[in-house]
PDB file of all heavy atoms in Angstrom:
ATOM      1  N   ARG A   1      12.755  42.648  -9.530  1.00  0.00           N
ATOM      2  CA  ARG A   1      13.806  43.480  -8.835  1.00  0.00           C
ATOM      3  C   ARG A   1      13.288  44.492  -7.936  1.00  0.00           C
ATOM      4  O   ARG A   1      13.724  44.774  -6.835  1.00  0.00           O
ATOM      5  CB  ARG A   1      14.770  44.078  -9.827  1.00  0.00           C
ATOM      6  CG  ARG A   1      15.820  44.926  -9.332  1.00  0.00           C
ATOM      7  CD  ARG A   1      16.611  45.665 -10.478  1.00  0.00           C
ATOM      8  NE  ARG A   1      15.682  46.626 -11.201  1.00  0.00           N
ATOM      9  CZ  ARG A   1      15.281  47.649 -10.751  1.00  0.00           C
ATOM     10  NH1 ARG A   1      15.690  48.234  -9.652  1.00  0.00           N
ATOM     11  NH2 ARG A   1      14.550  48.513 -11.546  1.00  0.00           N
ATOM     12  N   GLU A   2      12.135  45.135  -8.414  1.00  0.00           N
ATOM     13  CA  GLU A   2      11.523  46.212  -7.626  1.00  0.00           C
ATOM     14  C   GLU A   2      10.716  45.773  -6.333  1.00  0.00           C
ATOM     15  O   GLU A   2      10.814  46.323  -5.384  1.00  0.00           O
ATOM     16  CB  GLU A   2      10.639  47.009  -8.557  1.00  0.00           C
ATOM     17  CG  GLU A   2      10.059  48.257  -7.944  1.00  0.00           C
ATOM     18  CD  GLU A   2      11.052  49.424  -7.719  1.00  0.00           C
ATOM     19  OE1 GLU A   2      12.061  49.424  -8.297  1.00  0.00           O
ATOM     20  OE2 GLU A   2      10.706  50.382  -6.911  1.00  0.00           O
ATOM     21  N   PHE A   3      10.001  44.729  -6.637  1.00  0.00           N
ATOM     22  CA  PHE A   3       9.052  44.268  -5.625  1.00  0.00           C
ATOM     23  C   PHE A   3       9.591  43.218  -4.641  1.00  0.00           C
ATOM     24  O   PHE A   3       9.035  43.074  -3.477  1.00  0.00           O
ATOM     25  CB  PHE A   3       7.719  43.767  -6.224  1.00  0.00           C
ATOM     26  CG  PHE A   3       6.773  44.861  -6.735  1.00  0.00           C
ATOM     27  CD1 PHE A   3       6.968  45.260  -8.156  1.00  0.00           C
ATOM     28  CD2 PHE A   3       5.961  45.377  -5.955  1.00  0.00           C
ATOM     29  CE1 PHE A   3       6.196  46.359  -8.550  1.00  0.00           C
ATOM     30  CE2 PHE A   3       5.004  46.409  -6.438  1.00  0.00           C
ATOM     31  CZ  PHE A   3       5.266  46.808  -7.786  1.00  0.00           C
ATOM     32  N   GLU A   4      10.557  42.461  -5.051  1.00  0.00           N
ATOM     33  CA  GLU A   4      11.059  41.432  -4.218  1.00  0.00           C
ATOM     34  C   GLU A   4      11.500  41.872  -2.828  1.00  0.00           C
ATOM     35  O   GLU A   4      11.162  41.197  -1.741  1.00  0.00           O
ATOM     36  CB  GLU A   4      12.309  40.811  -4.880  1.00  0.00           C
ATOM     37  CG  GLU A   4      12.867  39.512  -4.144  1.00  0.00           C
ATOM     38  CD  GLU A   4      11.967  38.345  -4.027  1.00  0.00           C
ATOM     39  OE1 GLU A   4      11.098  38.279  -4.956  1.00  0.00           O
ATOM     40  OE2 GLU A   4      11.969  37.589  -2.998  1.00  0.00           O
ATOM     41  N   PRO A   5      12.094  42.973  -2.620  1.00  0.00           N
ATOM     42  CA  PRO A   5      12.443  43.350  -1.233  1.00  0.00           C
ATOM     43  C   PRO A   5      11.265  43.688  -0.307  1.00  0.00           C
ATOM     44  O   PRO A   5      11.359  43.663   0.948  1.00  0.00           O
ATOM     45  CB  PRO A   5      13.334  44.740  -1.527  1.00  0.00           C
ATOM     46  CG  PRO A   5      13.801  44.606  -2.863  1.00  0.00           C
ATOM     47  CD  PRO A   5      12.686  43.870  -3.652  1.00  0.00           C
ATOM     48  N   ILE A   6      10.073  44.011  -0.885  1.00  0.00           N
ATOM     49  CA  ILE A   6       8.919  44.290  -0.028  1.00  0.00           C
ATOM     50  C   ILE A   6       7.900  43.141   0.094  1.00  0.00           C
ATOM     51  O   ILE A   6       7.000  43.286   0.682  1.00  0.00           O
ATOM     52  CB  ILE A   6       8.195  45.497  -0.599  1.00  0.00           C
ATOM     53  CG1 ILE A   6       7.576  45.298  -1.980  1.00  0.00           C
ATOM     54  CG2 ILE A   6       9.152  46.771  -0.612  1.00  0.00           C
ATOM     55  CD1 ILE A   6       6.791  46.452  -2.524  1.00  0.00           C
ATOM     56  N   PHE A   7       8.242  41.947  -0.542  1.00  0.00           N
ATOM     57  CA  PHE A   7       7.430  40.806  -0.406  1.00  0.00           C
ATOM     58  C   PHE A   7       7.561  40.261   0.985  1.00  0.00           C
ATOM     59  O   PHE A   7       8.553  40.357   1.575  1.00  0.00           O
ATOM     60  CB  PHE A   7       7.738  39.725  -1.455  1.00  0.00           C
ATOM     61  CG  PHE A   7       7.201  39.963  -2.857  1.00  0.00           C
ATOM     62  CD1 PHE A   7       7.724  39.394  -3.970  1.00  0.00           C
ATOM     63  CD2 PHE A   7       6.081  40.907  -3.055  1.00  0.00           C
ATOM     64  CE1 PHE A   7       7.203  39.679  -5.284  1.00  0.00           C
ATOM     65  CE2 PHE A   7       5.607  41.223  -4.341  1.00  0.00           C
ATOM     66  CZ  PHE A   7       6.261  40.502  -5.426  1.00  0.00           C
ATOM     67  N   SER A   8       6.527  39.582   1.397  1.00  0.00           N
ATOM     68  CA  SER A   8       6.381  38.996   2.730  1.00  0.00           C
ATOM     69  C   SER A   8       7.403  37.800   2.845  1.00  0.00           C
ATOM     70  O   SER A   8       7.584  37.054   1.888  1.00  0.00           O
ATOM     71  CB  SER A   8       5.024  38.525   3.076  1.00  0.00           C
ATOM     72  OG  SER A   8       4.880  37.762   4.287  1.00  0.00           O
ATOM     73  N   ASP A   9       7.923  37.542   4.033  1.00  0.00           N
ATOM     74  CA  ASP A   9       8.767  36.425   4.301  1.00  0.00           C
ATOM     75  C   ASP A   9       7.961  35.166   4.294  1.00  0.00           C
ATOM     76  O   ASP A   9       8.541  34.019   4.240  1.00  0.00           O
ATOM     77  CB  ASP A   9       9.466  36.552   5.673  1.00  0.00           C
ATOM     78  CG  ASP A   9      10.537  37.556   5.626  1.00  0.00           C
ATOM     79  OD1 ASP A   9      11.104  37.777   4.533  1.00  0.00           O
ATOM     80  OD2 ASP A   9      11.019  38.035   6.726  1.00  0.00           O
ATOM     81  N   ASN A  10       6.548  35.258   4.340  1.00  0.00           N
ATOM     82  CA  ASN A  10       5.686  34.057   4.428  1.00  0.00           C
ATOM     83  C   ASN A  10       5.266  33.658   2.918  1.00  0.00           C
ATOM     84  O   ASN A  10       4.438  32.744   2.790  1.00  0.00           O
ATOM     85  CB  ASN A  10       4.543  34.311   5.281  1.00  0.00           C
ATOM     86  CG  ASN A  10       4.943  34.539   6.691  1.00  0.00           C
ATOM     87  OD1 ASN A  10       5.661  33.802   7.278  1.00  0.00           O
ATOM     88  ND2 ASN A  10       4.618  35.717   7.302  1.00  0.00           N
ATOM     89  N   SER A  11       5.857  34.319   1.896  1.00  0.00           N
ATOM     90  CA  SER A  11       5.518  33.962   0.557  1.00  0.00           C
ATOM     91  C   SER A  11       6.683  33.291  -0.045  1.00  0.00           C
ATOM     92  O   SER A  11       7.828  33.684  -0.006  1.00  0.00           O
ATOM     93  CB  SER A  11       5.217  35.289  -0.213  1.00  0.00           C
ATOM     94  OG  SER A  11       5.226  35.107  -1.573  1.00  0.00           O
ATOM     95  N   TYR A  12       6.378  32.146  -0.812  1.00  0.00           N
ATOM     96  CA  TYR A  12       7.499  31.328  -1.366  1.00  0.00           C
ATOM     97  C   TYR A  12       7.378  30.980  -2.747  1.00  0.00           C
ATOM     98  O   TYR A  12       8.334  30.554  -3.372  1.00  0.00           O
ATOM     99  CB  TYR A  12       7.460  29.961  -0.476  1.00  0.00           C
ATOM    100  CG  TYR A  12       7.828  30.174   0.904  1.00  0.00           C
ATOM    101  CD1 TYR A  12       6.829  30.400   1.851  1.00  0.00           C
ATOM    102  CD2 TYR A  12       9.096  30.097   1.305  1.00  0.00           C
ATOM    103  CE1 TYR A  12       7.143  30.604   3.188  1.00  0.00           C
ATOM    104  CE2 TYR A  12       9.445  30.252   2.694  1.00  0.00           C
ATOM    105  CZ  TYR A  12       8.550  30.525   3.647  1.00  0.00           C
ATOM    106  OH  TYR A  12       8.835  30.703   5.046  1.00  0.00           O
ATOM    107  N   GLY A  13       6.379  31.165  -3.361  1.00  0.00           N
ATOM    108  CA  GLY A  13       6.187  30.770  -4.732  1.00  0.00           C
ATOM    109  C   GLY A  13       6.642  31.741  -5.774  1.00  0.00           C
ATOM    110  O   GLY A  13       6.435  32.985  -5.653  1.00  0.00           O
ATOM    111  N   PHE A  14       7.260  31.280  -6.769  1.00  0.00           N
ATOM    112  CA  PHE A  14       7.831  32.076  -7.892  1.00  0.00           C
ATOM    113  C   PHE A  14       8.726  33.241  -7.393  1.00  0.00           C
ATOM    114  O   PHE A  14       8.765  34.369  -7.901  1.00  0.00           O
ATOM    115  CB  PHE A  14       6.698  32.726  -8.730  1.00  0.00           C
ATOM    116  CG  PHE A  14       5.727  31.698  -9.254  1.00  0.00           C
ATOM    117  CD1 PHE A  14       4.324  31.802  -8.929  1.00  0.00           C
ATOM    118  CD2 PHE A  14       6.107  30.737 -10.061  1.00  0.00           C
ATOM    119  CE1 PHE A  14       3.421  30.925  -9.367  1.00  0.00           C
ATOM    120  CE2 PHE A  14       5.181  29.757 -10.517  1.00  0.00           C
ATOM    121  CZ  PHE A  14       3.847  29.884 -10.205  1.00  0.00           C
ATOM    122  N   ARG A  15       9.596  32.848  -6.386  1.00  0.00           N
ATOM    123  CA  ARG A  15      10.578  33.850  -5.935  1.00  0.00           C
ATOM    124  C   ARG A  15      11.997  33.277  -5.932  1.00  0.00           C
ATOM    125  O   ARG A  15      11.997  32.019  -5.696  1.00  0.00           O
ATOM    126  CB  ARG A  15      10.160  34.208  -4.423  1.00  0.00           C
ATOM    127  CG  ARG A  15       8.815  34.973  -4.384  1.00  0.00           C
ATOM    128  CD  ARG A  15       8.477  35.520  -3.022  1.00  0.00           C
ATOM    129  NE  ARG A  15       9.524  36.442  -2.516  1.00  0.00           N
ATOM    130  CZ  ARG A  15       9.569  36.793  -1.278  1.00  0.00           C
ATOM    131  NH1 ARG A  15       8.723  36.361  -0.384  1.00  0.00           N
ATOM    132  NH2 ARG A  15      10.545  37.706  -0.916  1.00  0.00           N
ATOM    133  N   PRO A  16      12.961  34.103  -6.129  1.00  0.00           N
ATOM    134  CA  PRO A  16      14.355  33.458  -6.218  1.00  0.00           C
ATOM    135  C   PRO A  16      14.749  33.014  -4.844  1.00  0.00           C
ATOM    136  O   PRO A  16      14.390  33.582  -3.794  1.00  0.00           O
ATOM    137  CB  PRO A  16      15.131  34.675  -6.567  1.00  0.00           C
ATOM    138  CG  PRO A  16      14.378  35.968  -6.270  1.00  0.00           C
ATOM    139  CD  PRO A  16      12.881  35.479  -6.434  1.00  0.00           C
ATOM    140  N   ASN A  17      15.474  31.846  -4.849  1.00  0.00           N
ATOM    141  CA  ASN A  17      16.053  31.163  -3.699  1.00  0.00           C
ATOM    142  C   ASN A  17      14.936  30.848  -2.650  1.00  0.00           C
ATOM    143  O   ASN A  17      15.299  30.680  -1.433  1.00  0.00           O
ATOM    144  CB  ASN A  17      17.009  32.198  -2.943  1.00  0.00           C
ATOM    145  CG  ASN A  17      18.135  32.691  -3.917  1.00  0.00           C
ATOM    146  OD1 ASN A  17      18.700  31.871  -4.639  1.00  0.00           O
ATOM    147  ND2 ASN A  17      18.383  33.955  -3.900  1.00  0.00           N
ATOM    148  N   ARG A  18      13.773  30.571  -3.093  1.00  0.00           N
ATOM    149  CA  ARG A  18      12.700  30.079  -2.324  1.00  0.00           C
ATOM    150  C   ARG A  18      11.939  28.990  -2.963  1.00  0.00           C
ATOM    151  O   ARG A  18      11.945  28.915  -4.283  1.00  0.00           O
ATOM    152  CB  ARG A  18      11.684  31.120  -1.952  1.00  0.00           C
ATOM    153  CG  ARG A  18      12.325  32.096  -0.953  1.00  0.00           C
ATOM    154  CD  ARG A  18      11.229  33.252  -0.621  1.00  0.00           C
ATOM    155  NE  ARG A  18      11.701  34.037   0.506  1.00  0.00           N
ATOM    156  CZ  ARG A  18      11.097  34.193   1.685  1.00  0.00           C
ATOM    157  NH1 ARG A  18       9.976  33.531   1.842  1.00  0.00           N
ATOM    158  NH2 ARG A  18      11.592  34.850   2.621  1.00  0.00           N
ATOM    159  N   SER A  19      11.644  27.943  -2.231  1.00  0.00           N
ATOM    160  CA  SER A  19      10.966  26.810  -2.942  1.00  0.00           C
ATOM    161  C   SER A  19       9.823  26.234  -2.181  1.00  0.00           C
ATOM    162  O   SER A  19       9.528  26.685  -1.035  1.00  0.00           O
ATOM    163  CB  SER A  19      12.111  25.678  -2.917  1.00  0.00           C
ATOM    164  OG  SER A  19      12.475  25.149  -1.672  1.00  0.00           O
ATOM    165  N   ALA A  20       9.205  25.211  -2.736  1.00  0.00           N
ATOM    166  CA  ALA A  20       8.058  24.499  -2.115  1.00  0.00           C
ATOM    167  C   ALA A  20       8.550  23.866  -0.772  1.00  0.00           C
ATOM    168  O   ALA A  20       7.808  23.803   0.191  1.00  0.00           O
ATOM    169  CB  ALA A  20       7.276  23.448  -3.088  1.00  0.00           C
ATOM    170  N   HIS A  21       9.833  23.390  -0.768  1.00  0.00           N
ATOM    171  CA  HIS A  21      10.229  22.786   0.365  1.00  0.00           C
ATOM    172  C   HIS A  21      10.412  23.753   1.546  1.00  0.00           C
ATOM    173  O   HIS A  21      10.173  23.406   2.727  1.00  0.00           O
ATOM    174  CB  HIS A  21      11.650  22.161   0.167  1.00  0.00           C
ATOM    175  CG  HIS A  21      11.603  20.939  -0.727  1.00  0.00           C
ATOM    176  ND1 HIS A  21      12.734  20.515  -1.451  1.00  0.00           N
ATOM    177  CD2 HIS A  21      10.613  20.174  -1.180  1.00  0.00           C
ATOM    178  CE1 HIS A  21      12.324  19.382  -2.155  1.00  0.00           C
ATOM    179  NE2 HIS A  21      11.118  19.192  -2.020  1.00  0.00           N
ATOM    180  N   ASP A  22      10.762  24.942   1.168  1.00  0.00           N
ATOM    181  CA  ASP A  22      10.945  26.098   2.320  1.00  0.00           C
ATOM    182  C   ASP A  22       9.497  26.311   2.802  1.00  0.00           C
ATOM    183  O   ASP A  22       9.267  26.614   4.005  1.00  0.00           O
ATOM    184  CB  ASP A  22      11.435  27.339   1.643  1.00  0.00           C
ATOM    185  CG  ASP A  22      12.860  27.152   1.133  1.00  0.00           C
ATOM    186  OD1 ASP A  22      13.651  26.438   1.859  1.00  0.00           O
ATOM    187  OD2 ASP A  22      13.218  27.736   0.207  1.00  0.00           O
ATOM    188  N   ALA A  23       8.482  26.298   1.877  1.00  0.00           N
ATOM    189  CA  ALA A  23       7.160  26.521   2.438  1.00  0.00           C
ATOM    190  C   ALA A  23       6.581  25.375   3.374  1.00  0.00           C
ATOM    191  O   ALA A  23       6.031  25.630   4.289  1.00  0.00           O
ATOM    192  CB  ALA A  23       6.164  26.636   1.199  1.00  0.00           C
ATOM    193  N   ILE A  24       6.952  24.117   2.964  1.00  0.00           N
ATOM    194  CA  ILE A  24       6.545  23.091   3.821  1.00  0.00           C
ATOM    195  C   ILE A  24       7.287  23.059   5.135  1.00  0.00           C
ATOM    196  O   ILE A  24       6.734  22.878   6.171  1.00  0.00           O
ATOM    197  CB  ILE A  24       6.897  21.689   3.049  1.00  0.00           C
ATOM    198  CG1 ILE A  24       6.054  21.615   1.753  1.00  0.00           C
ATOM    199  CG2 ILE A  24       6.673  20.506   4.042  1.00  0.00           C
ATOM    200  CD1 ILE A  24       4.602  21.493   2.057  1.00  0.00           C
ATOM    201  N   ARG A  25       8.618  23.399   5.120  1.00  0.00           N
ATOM    202  CA  ARG A  25       9.349  23.516   6.473  1.00  0.00           C
ATOM    203  C   ARG A  25       8.695  24.627   7.245  1.00  0.00           C
ATOM    204  O   ARG A  25       8.668  24.434   8.555  1.00  0.00           O
ATOM    205  CB  ARG A  25      10.778  23.849   6.097  1.00  0.00           C
ATOM    206  CG  ARG A  25      11.620  22.704   5.469  1.00  0.00           C
ATOM    207  CD  ARG A  25      13.060  23.026   5.442  1.00  0.00           C
ATOM    208  NE  ARG A  25      13.799  21.922   4.794  1.00  0.00           N
ATOM    209  CZ  ARG A  25      14.127  21.955   3.479  1.00  0.00           C
ATOM    210  NH1 ARG A  25      13.900  22.986   2.710  1.00  0.00           N
ATOM    211  NH2 ARG A  25      14.860  20.919   3.005  1.00  0.00           N
ATOM    212  N   LYS A  26       8.199  25.731   6.687  1.00  0.00           N
ATOM    213  CA  LYS A  26       7.572  26.790   7.499  1.00  0.00           C
ATOM    214  C   LYS A  26       6.231  26.287   8.119  1.00  0.00           C
ATOM    215  O   LYS A  26       5.992  26.611   9.252  1.00  0.00           O
ATOM    216  CB  LYS A  26       7.296  28.023   6.451  1.00  0.00           C
ATOM    217  CG  LYS A  26       6.755  29.107   7.281  1.00  0.00           C
ATOM    218  CD  LYS A  26       7.755  29.793   8.184  1.00  0.00           C
ATOM    219  CE  LYS A  26       7.178  31.064   8.728  1.00  0.00           C
ATOM    220  NZ  LYS A  26       8.192  31.763   9.614  1.00  0.00           N
ATOM    221  N   VAL A  27       5.565  25.493   7.369  1.00  0.00           N
ATOM    222  CA  VAL A  27       4.220  24.925   7.945  1.00  0.00           C
ATOM    223  C   VAL A  27       4.649  24.101   9.159  1.00  0.00           C
ATOM    224  O   VAL A  27       3.917  24.208  10.235  1.00  0.00           O
ATOM    225  CB  VAL A  27       3.527  24.117   6.844  1.00  0.00           C
ATOM    226  CG1 VAL A  27       2.380  23.346   7.500  1.00  0.00           C
ATOM    227  CG2 VAL A  27       2.949  24.981   5.686  1.00  0.00           C
ATOM    228  N   ILE A  28       5.687  23.293   9.052  1.00  0.00           N
ATOM    229  CA  ILE A  28       6.026  22.409  10.108  1.00  0.00           C
ATOM    230  C   ILE A  28       6.487  23.260  11.279  1.00  0.00           C
ATOM    231  O   ILE A  28       6.148  22.889  12.496  1.00  0.00           O
ATOM    232  CB  ILE A  28       7.123  21.395   9.679  1.00  0.00           C
ATOM    233  CG1 ILE A  28       6.676  20.368   8.593  1.00  0.00           C
ATOM    234  CG2 ILE A  28       7.684  20.628  10.799  1.00  0.00           C
ATOM    235  CD1 ILE A  28       7.733  19.629   7.910  1.00  0.00           C
TER     236      ILE A  28
END
């Protein structure tokens, strides 16, 4: 709850509403 707002938009692992698929789409 405290750190989620300051995490990078380029980080996807172990985060709510983010997935490996999102990471793959970002690479593409």
